[in-house]
Amino acid sequence: FLFFFFFFFFFVSFSFYFEEALQVTPYKRVAIALDFSGRDREVIHETLRLIGGGRPAIGLMHVVESASAKFSGQDSSDAETLEDRERLEEYAASLRQAGLEEVRALVGCGKPVAELRRLIEEFEPDVVVMGAHGHRFFKDLLFGSTADALRHRIKANVFVVGRAEGSR
């Protein structure tokens, strides 16, 4: 009898837990960090798969690392900064055209991890989606991974989209 009591108690408790775990709330705010490495469309595509048919606010993020951007910050107006802002706005326009109503293009200037952290803190996303950059093992040991460094500095979950082709 005692065995059946414990079995019933465990089964009922597990059922309630499992039922509660299946009640998923959709993302309300999603950050997409792009590095313009040629994998941006893949990262955006995977983000759209991740959100399903939902319509969260999207924050497209990119950090310009030119000398001018590092020195002048947001006041930078060199060719690279202007081109990167324009490219990010083009991605934002495409997402709006695809039916996502609230899409913001957010550009940082300087060090990628610090600037992405700042942009993410300002945007307050539920999840950050970014691409793996394709470094190899030894380069990651020396320089670290932006995704890895970032995930330790922000509150949001980080979803990393695959490895670049040829990396191991």
N, C-alpha and C. Protein backbone atom coordinates (compact mmCIF):
# COMPACT_ATOMS: atom_id res chain seq x y z
N PHE A 1 0.82 -1.19 0.00
CA PHE A 1 0.00 0.00 0.00
C PHE A 1 0.87 1.27 0.00
N LEU A 2 1.90 1.26 0.81
CA LEU A 2 2.78 2.41 0.90
C LEU A 2 3.46 2.70 -0.45
N PHE A 3 3.81 1.65 -1.16
CA PHE A 3 4.42 1.79 -2.48
C PHE A 3 3.46 2.51 -3.43
N PHE A 4 2.20 2.12 -3.44
CA PHE A 4 1.22 2.74 -4.33
C PHE A 4 0.97 4.20 -3.96
N PHE A 5 0.98 4.49 -2.66
CA PHE A 5 0.80 5.86 -2.20
C PHE A 5 1.93 6.75 -2.74
N PHE A 6 3.18 6.31 -2.56
CA PHE A 6 4.32 7.09 -3.04
C PHE A 6 4.32 7.21 -4.56
N PHE A 7 3.98 6.14 -5.24
CA PHE A 7 3.92 6.15 -6.69
C PHE A 7 2.88 7.16 -7.16
N PHE A 8 1.68 7.14 -6.54
CA PHE A 8 0.61 8.06 -6.90
C PHE A 8 1.03 9.50 -6.62
N PHE A 9 1.63 9.74 -5.43
CA PHE A 9 2.09 11.08 -5.06
C PHE A 9 3.12 11.59 -6.06
N PHE A 10 4.12 10.76 -6.42
CA PHE A 10 5.14 11.14 -7.37
C PHE A 10 4.54 11.43 -8.73
N PHE A 11 3.64 10.59 -9.19
CA PHE A 11 3.03 10.75 -10.51
C PHE A 11 2.22 12.04 -10.58
N VAL A 12 1.43 12.32 -9.56
CA VAL A 12 0.61 13.53 -9.53
C VAL A 12 1.51 14.77 -9.45
N SER A 13 2.54 14.74 -8.61
CA SER A 13 3.45 15.87 -8.49
C SER A 13 4.18 16.14 -9.80
N PHE A 14 4.66 15.09 -10.43
CA PHE A 14 5.37 15.22 -11.70
C PHE A 14 4.44 15.76 -12.77
N SER A 15 3.20 15.32 -12.79
CA SER A 15 2.24 15.80 -13.80
C SER A 15 2.01 17.29 -13.67
N PHE A 16 1.85 17.79 -12.44
CA PHE A 16 1.66 19.22 -12.24
C PHE A 16 2.89 20.00 -12.66
N TYR A 17 4.07 19.50 -12.32
CA TYR A 17 5.30 20.17 -12.70
C TYR A 17 5.44 20.21 -14.21
N PHE A 18 5.21 19.10 -14.86
CA PHE A 18 5.35 19.01 -16.31
C PHE A 18 4.34 19.91 -17.00
N GLU A 19 3.12 19.94 -16.50
CA GLU A 19 2.09 20.80 -17.09
C GLU A 19 2.47 22.26 -16.97
N GLU A 20 3.03 22.65 -15.81
CA GLU A 20 3.45 24.02 -15.61
C GLU A 20 4.63 24.38 -16.51
N ALA A 21 5.54 23.42 -16.71
CA ALA A 21 6.71 23.67 -17.56
C ALA A 21 6.31 23.87 -19.01
N LEU A 22 5.19 23.32 -19.44
CA LEU A 22 4.76 23.44 -20.83
C LEU A 22 4.06 24.76 -21.13
N GLN A 23 3.75 25.53 -20.10
CA GLN A 23 3.11 26.82 -20.30
C GLN A 23 4.20 27.85 -20.59
N VAL A 24 4.49 28.03 -21.85
CA VAL A 24 5.59 28.88 -22.30
C VAL A 24 5.04 30.24 -22.70
N THR A 25 5.70 31.28 -22.22
CA THR A 25 5.32 32.62 -22.63
C THR A 25 6.27 33.05 -23.75
N PRO A 26 5.75 33.69 -24.78
CA PRO A 26 6.61 34.10 -25.90
C PRO A 26 7.54 35.24 -25.49
N TYR A 27 8.62 35.36 -26.23
CA TYR A 27 9.55 36.47 -26.00
C TYR A 27 8.86 37.79 -26.33
N LYS A 28 9.12 38.79 -25.50
CA LYS A 28 8.56 40.12 -25.75
C LYS A 28 9.59 41.05 -26.39
N ARG A 29 10.87 40.81 -26.07
CA ARG A 29 11.95 41.65 -26.59
C ARG A 29 13.12 40.74 -26.95
N VAL A 30 13.58 40.86 -28.20
CA VAL A 30 14.67 40.02 -28.69
C VAL A 30 15.77 40.91 -29.28
N ALA A 31 16.99 40.71 -28.81
CA ALA A 31 18.14 41.42 -29.37
C ALA A 31 18.84 40.51 -30.36
N ILE A 32 19.24 41.07 -31.48
CA ILE A 32 20.00 40.32 -32.48
C ILE A 32 21.32 41.07 -32.68
N ALA A 33 22.41 40.46 -32.25
CA ALA A 33 23.73 41.06 -32.38
C ALA A 33 24.36 40.60 -33.69
N LEU A 34 24.67 41.55 -34.56
CA LEU A 34 25.23 41.24 -35.87
C LEU A 34 26.64 41.79 -35.98
N ASP A 35 27.52 41.01 -36.62
CA ASP A 35 28.90 41.47 -36.77
C ASP A 35 29.28 41.72 -38.22
N PHE A 36 28.32 41.59 -39.13
CA PHE A 36 28.54 41.81 -40.56
C PHE A 36 29.63 40.90 -41.12
N SER A 37 29.69 39.67 -40.59
CA SER A 37 30.71 38.72 -41.02
C SER A 37 30.28 37.88 -42.21
N GLY A 38 29.10 38.11 -42.71
CA GLY A 38 28.60 37.29 -43.81
C GLY A 38 27.59 36.25 -43.35
N ARG A 39 27.37 36.17 -42.04
CA ARG A 39 26.42 35.20 -41.49
C ARG A 39 25.17 35.90 -40.94
N ASP A 40 25.02 37.17 -41.21
CA ASP A 40 23.91 37.93 -40.65
C ASP A 40 22.55 37.37 -41.04
N ARG A 41 22.39 37.02 -42.30
CA ARG A 41 21.09 36.49 -42.75
C ARG A 41 20.75 35.20 -42.03
N GLU A 42 21.77 34.36 -41.79
CA GLU A 42 21.55 33.11 -41.06
C GLU A 42 21.12 33.39 -39.62
N VAL A 43 21.77 34.36 -38.98
CA VAL A 43 21.43 34.72 -37.60
C VAL A 43 20.00 35.27 -37.55
N ILE A 44 19.64 36.13 -38.48
CA ILE A 44 18.28 36.68 -38.52
C ILE A 44 17.27 35.57 -38.80
N HIS A 45 17.59 34.68 -39.72
CA HIS A 45 16.70 33.56 -40.05
C HIS A 45 16.46 32.68 -38.81
N GLU A 46 17.51 32.35 -38.10
CA GLU A 46 17.36 31.52 -36.89
C GLU A 46 16.57 32.25 -35.81
N THR A 47 16.72 33.56 -35.75
CA THR A 47 15.94 34.34 -34.79
C THR A 47 14.45 34.25 -35.12
N LEU A 48 14.13 34.38 -36.40
CA LEU A 48 12.73 34.28 -36.81
C LEU A 48 12.16 32.90 -36.50
N ARG A 49 12.98 31.86 -36.67
CA ARG A 49 12.54 30.50 -36.30
C ARG A 49 12.32 30.42 -34.80
N LEU A 50 13.20 31.05 -34.02
CA LEU A 50 13.12 31.00 -32.56
C LEU A 50 11.85 31.68 -32.05
N ILE A 51 11.47 32.79 -32.65
CA ILE A 51 10.29 33.51 -32.17
C ILE A 51 8.99 32.95 -32.75
N GLY A 52 9.12 32.03 -33.72
CA GLY A 52 7.92 31.44 -34.31
C GLY A 52 7.09 32.51 -34.98
N GLY A 53 5.81 32.50 -34.72
CA GLY A 53 4.92 33.49 -35.30
C GLY A 53 4.75 34.72 -34.42
N GLY A 54 5.52 34.79 -33.34
CA GLY A 54 5.40 35.91 -32.42
C GLY A 54 5.85 37.22 -33.03
N ARG A 55 5.49 38.30 -32.39
CA ARG A 55 5.84 39.63 -32.88
C ARG A 55 6.51 40.43 -31.75
N PRO A 56 7.68 39.96 -31.28
CA PRO A 56 8.34 40.71 -30.21
C PRO A 56 9.00 41.98 -30.75
N ALA A 57 9.35 42.87 -29.86
CA ALA A 57 10.17 44.02 -30.24
C ALA A 57 11.56 43.47 -30.55
N ILE A 58 12.15 43.96 -31.63
CA ILE A 58 13.46 43.48 -32.06
C ILE A 58 14.46 44.62 -31.96
N GLY A 59 15.60 44.33 -31.37
CA GLY A 59 16.70 45.29 -31.32
C GLY A 59 17.86 44.73 -32.11
N LEU A 60 18.08 45.26 -33.31
CA LEU A 60 19.25 44.86 -34.10
C LEU A 60 20.44 45.64 -33.58
N MET A 61 21.52 44.93 -33.26
CA MET A 61 22.67 45.58 -32.65
C MET A 61 23.95 45.28 -33.41
N HIS A 62 24.79 46.29 -33.50
CA HIS A 62 26.09 46.14 -34.14
C HIS A 62 27.06 47.11 -33.48
N VAL A 63 28.32 46.70 -33.36
CA VAL A 63 29.35 47.56 -32.79
C VAL A 63 30.39 47.86 -33.86
N VAL A 64 30.60 49.16 -34.10
CA VAL A 64 31.62 49.61 -35.05
C VAL A 64 32.94 49.67 -34.28
N GLU A 65 33.98 49.09 -34.88
CA GLU A 65 35.28 49.02 -34.20
C GLU A 65 36.37 49.84 -34.88
N SER A 66 36.00 50.77 -35.73
CA SER A 66 37.01 51.58 -36.41
C SER A 66 37.74 52.46 -35.39
N ALA A 67 38.89 52.99 -35.78
CA ALA A 67 39.67 53.87 -34.91
C ALA A 67 38.83 55.09 -34.52
N SER A 68 38.13 55.64 -35.50
CA SER A 68 37.30 56.82 -35.24
C SER A 68 36.19 56.49 -34.25
N ALA A 69 35.56 55.32 -34.42
CA ALA A 69 34.47 54.92 -33.52
C ALA A 69 34.98 54.71 -32.10
N LYS A 70 36.18 54.14 -31.99
CA LYS A 70 36.75 53.93 -30.65
C LYS A 70 37.11 55.25 -29.98
N PHE A 71 37.56 56.21 -30.78
CA PHE A 71 37.98 57.50 -30.24
C PHE A 71 36.79 58.43 -30.01
N SER A 72 35.90 58.53 -31.01
CA SER A 72 34.80 59.49 -30.95
C SER A 72 33.51 58.92 -30.37
N GLY A 73 33.42 57.61 -30.26
CA GLY A 73 32.20 57.00 -29.73
C GLY A 73 31.01 57.24 -30.64
N GLN A 74 29.87 57.54 -30.08
CA GLN A 74 28.64 57.75 -30.84
C GLN A 74 28.71 58.94 -31.79
N ASP A 75 29.67 59.83 -31.58
CA ASP A 75 29.82 61.00 -32.46
C ASP A 75 30.61 60.68 -33.73
N SER A 76 31.08 59.44 -33.84
CA SER A 76 31.89 59.05 -34.99
C SER A 76 31.09 59.19 -36.28
N SER A 77 31.76 59.70 -37.31
CA SER A 77 31.09 59.84 -38.61
C SER A 77 32.01 59.40 -39.75
N ASP A 78 32.91 58.47 -39.45
CA ASP A 78 33.79 57.97 -40.51
C ASP A 78 32.98 57.08 -41.45
N ALA A 79 33.59 56.72 -42.58
CA ALA A 79 32.89 55.93 -43.61
C ALA A 79 32.38 54.61 -43.06
N GLU A 80 33.20 53.91 -42.26
CA GLU A 80 32.77 52.61 -41.74
C GLU A 80 31.54 52.75 -40.84
N THR A 81 31.55 53.73 -39.97
CA THR A 81 30.41 53.95 -39.07
C THR A 81 29.15 54.25 -39.86
N LEU A 82 29.25 55.14 -40.85
CA LEU A 82 28.08 55.50 -41.66
C LEU A 82 27.56 54.30 -42.45
N GLU A 83 28.47 53.53 -43.04
CA GLU A 83 28.07 52.34 -43.80
C GLU A 83 27.40 51.31 -42.90
N ASP A 84 27.96 51.11 -41.70
CA ASP A 84 27.40 50.12 -40.78
C ASP A 84 26.01 50.54 -40.29
N ARG A 85 25.84 51.83 -40.02
CA ARG A 85 24.52 52.32 -39.60
C ARG A 85 23.49 52.09 -40.72
N GLU A 86 23.90 52.41 -41.95
CA GLU A 86 23.01 52.24 -43.09
C GLU A 86 22.65 50.76 -43.29
N ARG A 87 23.62 49.90 -43.19
CA ARG A 87 23.38 48.46 -43.36
C ARG A 87 22.42 47.94 -42.30
N LEU A 88 22.61 48.37 -41.05
CA LEU A 88 21.72 47.93 -39.97
C LEU A 88 20.30 48.43 -40.20
N GLU A 89 20.17 49.67 -40.68
CA GLU A 89 18.85 50.22 -40.99
C GLU A 89 18.18 49.44 -42.13
N GLU A 90 18.96 48.98 -43.10
CA GLU A 90 18.40 48.16 -44.18
C GLU A 90 17.85 46.85 -43.64
N TYR A 91 18.59 46.21 -42.73
CA TYR A 91 18.09 44.99 -42.09
C TYR A 91 16.79 45.28 -41.32
N ALA A 92 16.77 46.39 -40.61
CA ALA A 92 15.59 46.77 -39.83
C ALA A 92 14.39 46.97 -40.75
N ALA A 93 14.60 47.66 -41.87
CA ALA A 93 13.52 47.90 -42.83
C ALA A 93 12.99 46.57 -43.39
N SER A 94 13.87 45.63 -43.67
CA SER A 94 13.45 44.32 -44.17
C SER A 94 12.59 43.59 -43.16
N LEU A 95 12.97 43.66 -41.88
CA LEU A 95 12.18 43.00 -40.84
C LEU A 95 10.82 43.67 -40.67
N ARG A 96 10.79 44.98 -40.77
CA ARG A 96 9.49 45.69 -40.70
C ARG A 96 8.61 45.28 -41.87
N GLN A 97 9.21 45.19 -43.04
CA GLN A 97 8.47 44.79 -44.23
C GLN A 97 7.93 43.37 -44.10
N ALA A 98 8.64 42.53 -43.33
CA ALA A 98 8.22 41.15 -43.11
C ALA A 98 7.12 41.04 -42.04
N GLY A 99 6.73 42.18 -41.45
CA GLY A 99 5.62 42.17 -40.51
C GLY A 99 5.97 42.41 -39.06
N LEU A 100 7.25 42.56 -38.75
CA LEU A 100 7.63 42.89 -37.37
C LEU A 100 7.53 44.40 -37.22
N GLU A 101 6.66 44.84 -36.33
CA GLU A 101 6.34 46.26 -36.25
C GLU A 101 7.38 47.08 -35.50
N GLU A 102 7.87 46.53 -34.39
CA GLU A 102 8.80 47.31 -33.57
C GLU A 102 10.22 46.77 -33.74
N VAL A 103 10.98 47.41 -34.62
CA VAL A 103 12.36 47.02 -34.90
C VAL A 103 13.24 48.26 -34.76
N ARG A 104 14.25 48.16 -33.91
CA ARG A 104 15.17 49.28 -33.70
C ARG A 104 16.57 48.88 -34.14
N ALA A 105 17.27 49.78 -34.77
CA ALA A 105 18.67 49.58 -35.15
C ALA A 105 19.53 50.32 -34.13
N LEU A 106 20.34 49.58 -33.39
CA LEU A 106 21.14 50.15 -32.31
C LEU A 106 22.62 49.94 -32.60
N VAL A 107 23.36 51.03 -32.74
CA VAL A 107 24.78 50.94 -33.08
C VAL A 107 25.62 51.41 -31.90
N GLY A 108 26.61 50.60 -31.57
CA GLY A 108 27.59 50.96 -30.55
C GLY A 108 28.92 51.24 -31.22
N CYS A 109 29.80 51.93 -30.53
CA CYS A 109 31.11 52.26 -31.07
C CYS A 109 32.18 51.96 -30.03
N GLY A 110 33.15 51.13 -30.42
CA GLY A 110 34.24 50.82 -29.50
C GLY A 110 34.46 49.34 -29.33
N LYS A 111 34.61 48.91 -28.09
CA LYS A 111 34.88 47.51 -27.78
C LYS A 111 33.58 46.71 -27.82
N PRO A 112 33.55 45.61 -28.59
CA PRO A 112 32.30 44.87 -28.81
C PRO A 112 31.60 44.40 -27.53
N VAL A 113 32.31 43.78 -26.61
CA VAL A 113 31.65 43.23 -25.43
C VAL A 113 31.05 44.36 -24.57
N ALA A 114 31.83 45.39 -24.33
CA ALA A 114 31.35 46.51 -23.50
C ALA A 114 30.17 47.22 -24.16
N GLU A 115 30.27 47.46 -25.46
CA GLU A 115 29.21 48.18 -26.16
C GLU A 115 27.95 47.32 -26.30
N LEU A 116 28.12 46.04 -26.61
CA LEU A 116 26.93 45.17 -26.69
C LEU A 116 26.26 45.09 -25.33
N ARG A 117 27.05 44.99 -24.28
CA ARG A 117 26.47 44.96 -22.93
C ARG A 117 25.64 46.22 -22.68
N ARG A 118 26.19 47.37 -23.04
CA ARG A 118 25.48 48.64 -22.84
C ARG A 118 24.17 48.67 -23.64
N LEU A 119 24.25 48.28 -24.92
CA LEU A 119 23.05 48.27 -25.76
C LEU A 119 22.01 47.29 -25.23
N ILE A 120 22.46 46.14 -24.78
CA ILE A 120 21.54 45.13 -24.25
C ILE A 120 20.88 45.62 -22.97
N GLU A 121 21.65 46.23 -22.09
CA GLU A 121 21.08 46.77 -20.85
C GLU A 121 20.03 47.84 -21.15
N GLU A 122 20.28 48.65 -22.17
CA GLU A 122 19.31 49.69 -22.54
C GLU A 122 18.05 49.09 -23.16
N PHE A 123 18.21 48.08 -23.99
CA PHE A 123 17.07 47.49 -24.70
C PHE A 123 16.27 46.51 -23.83
N GLU A 124 16.92 45.87 -22.86
CA GLU A 124 16.31 44.92 -21.92
C GLU A 124 15.61 43.75 -22.61
N PRO A 125 16.33 42.97 -23.43
CA PRO A 125 15.70 41.84 -24.12
C PRO A 125 15.54 40.63 -23.22
N ASP A 126 14.65 39.73 -23.64
CA ASP A 126 14.49 38.44 -22.96
C ASP A 126 15.59 37.49 -23.40
N VAL A 127 16.02 37.63 -24.64
CA VAL A 127 17.04 36.76 -25.22
C VAL A 127 17.88 37.56 -26.21
N VAL A 128 19.16 37.19 -26.30
CA VAL A 128 20.07 37.79 -27.26
C VAL A 128 20.49 36.69 -28.23
N VAL A 129 20.35 36.94 -29.52
CA VAL A 129 20.75 35.98 -30.54
C VAL A 129 21.97 36.54 -31.26
N MET A 130 23.00 35.71 -31.37
CA MET A 130 24.21 36.15 -32.07
C MET A 130 24.86 34.96 -32.75
N GLY A 131 25.67 35.24 -33.74
CA GLY A 131 26.35 34.18 -34.48
C GLY A 131 27.69 33.85 -33.88
N ALA A 132 28.09 32.59 -34.01
CA ALA A 132 29.44 32.20 -33.65
C ALA A 132 30.37 32.81 -34.69
N HIS A 133 31.50 33.28 -34.26
CA HIS A 133 32.36 34.04 -35.16
C HIS A 133 33.35 33.19 -35.93
N GLY A 134 33.53 31.94 -35.59
CA GLY A 134 34.38 31.06 -36.38
C GLY A 134 35.85 31.05 -36.02
N HIS A 135 36.22 31.59 -34.85
CA HIS A 135 37.62 31.44 -34.45
C HIS A 135 37.92 29.97 -34.20
N ARG A 136 39.16 29.66 -34.25
CA ARG A 136 39.58 28.30 -33.92
C ARG A 136 39.98 28.27 -32.44
N PHE A 137 40.21 27.10 -31.93
CA PHE A 137 40.45 26.87 -30.51
C PHE A 137 41.51 27.80 -29.92
N PHE A 138 42.69 27.86 -30.53
CA PHE A 138 43.78 28.64 -29.94
C PHE A 138 43.50 30.14 -29.98
N LYS A 139 42.86 30.61 -31.03
CA LYS A 139 42.52 32.03 -31.10
C LYS A 139 41.49 32.37 -30.02
N ASP A 140 40.54 31.46 -29.76
CA ASP A 140 39.58 31.69 -28.69
C ASP A 140 40.26 31.71 -27.33
N LEU A 141 41.27 30.85 -27.14
CA LEU A 141 42.00 30.86 -25.88
C LEU A 141 42.71 32.19 -25.66
N LEU A 142 43.29 32.72 -26.74
CA LEU A 142 44.02 33.98 -26.62
C LEU A 142 43.10 35.18 -26.47
N PHE A 143 42.08 35.26 -27.31
CA PHE A 143 41.25 36.46 -27.36
C PHE A 143 39.88 36.29 -26.72
N GLY A 144 39.44 35.08 -26.53
CA GLY A 144 38.12 34.84 -25.97
C GLY A 144 37.03 35.01 -27.01
N SER A 145 35.88 34.59 -26.69
CA SER A 145 34.73 34.66 -27.58
C SER A 145 33.82 35.78 -27.10
N THR A 146 33.35 36.60 -28.03
CA THR A 146 32.43 37.67 -27.67
C THR A 146 31.18 37.11 -27.00
N ALA A 147 30.63 36.03 -27.57
CA ALA A 147 29.43 35.42 -27.00
C ALA A 147 29.68 34.93 -25.59
N ASP A 148 30.81 34.28 -25.38
CA ASP A 148 31.12 33.74 -24.06
C ASP A 148 31.32 34.86 -23.04
N ALA A 149 32.08 35.87 -23.42
CA ALA A 149 32.31 37.00 -22.51
C ALA A 149 31.01 37.73 -22.21
N LEU A 150 30.18 37.88 -23.21
CA LEU A 150 28.93 38.61 -23.05
C LEU A 150 27.95 37.88 -22.13
N ARG A 151 27.84 36.58 -22.30
CA ARG A 151 26.85 35.83 -21.51
C ARG A 151 27.11 35.90 -20.01
N HIS A 152 28.34 36.19 -19.63
CA HIS A 152 28.68 36.32 -18.21
C HIS A 152 28.39 37.72 -17.68
N ARG A 153 28.06 38.65 -18.56
CA ARG A 153 27.89 40.05 -18.15
C ARG A 153 26.47 40.58 -18.29
N ILE A 154 25.56 39.77 -18.80
CA ILE A 154 24.18 40.24 -19.00
C ILE A 154 23.19 39.30 -18.33
N LYS A 155 21.98 39.77 -18.14
CA LYS A 155 20.93 38.98 -17.49
C LYS A 155 20.18 38.10 -18.48
N ALA A 156 20.08 38.51 -19.72
CA ALA A 156 19.29 37.78 -20.72
C ALA A 156 20.00 36.49 -21.13
N ASN A 157 19.21 35.54 -21.60
CA ASN A 157 19.77 34.32 -22.17
C ASN A 157 20.45 34.67 -23.48
N VAL A 158 21.49 33.91 -23.84
CA VAL A 158 22.20 34.11 -25.10
C VAL A 158 22.04 32.86 -25.94
N PHE A 159 21.56 33.06 -27.16
CA PHE A 159 21.37 31.97 -28.13
C PHE A 159 22.40 32.18 -29.22
N VAL A 160 23.34 31.24 -29.32
CA VAL A 160 24.42 31.36 -30.32
C VAL A 160 24.08 30.49 -31.51
N VAL A 161 24.09 31.09 -32.69
CA VAL A 161 23.74 30.40 -33.93
C VAL A 161 25.01 29.79 -34.52
N GLY A 162 25.07 28.46 -34.48
CA GLY A 162 26.09 27.66 -35.13
C GLY A 162 27.50 28.20 -35.20
N ARG A 163 28.36 27.40 -35.76
CA ARG A 163 29.75 27.78 -35.99
C ARG A 163 29.91 28.18 -37.44
N ALA A 164 30.86 29.03 -37.68
CA ALA A 164 31.18 29.38 -39.05
C ALA A 164 31.74 28.14 -39.74
N GLU A 165 31.47 28.02 -41.01
CA GLU A 165 31.91 26.84 -41.77
C GLU A 165 33.42 26.69 -41.67
N GLY A 166 33.85 25.46 -41.40
CA GLY A 166 35.27 25.16 -41.33
C GLY A 166 35.87 25.29 -39.94
N SER A 167 35.15 25.85 -38.97
CA SER A 167 35.70 25.94 -37.62
C SER A 167 35.40 24.66 -36.86
N ARG A 168 36.22 24.38 -35.92
CA ARG A 168 36.05 23.15 -35.12
C ARG A 168 36.07 23.49 -33.66
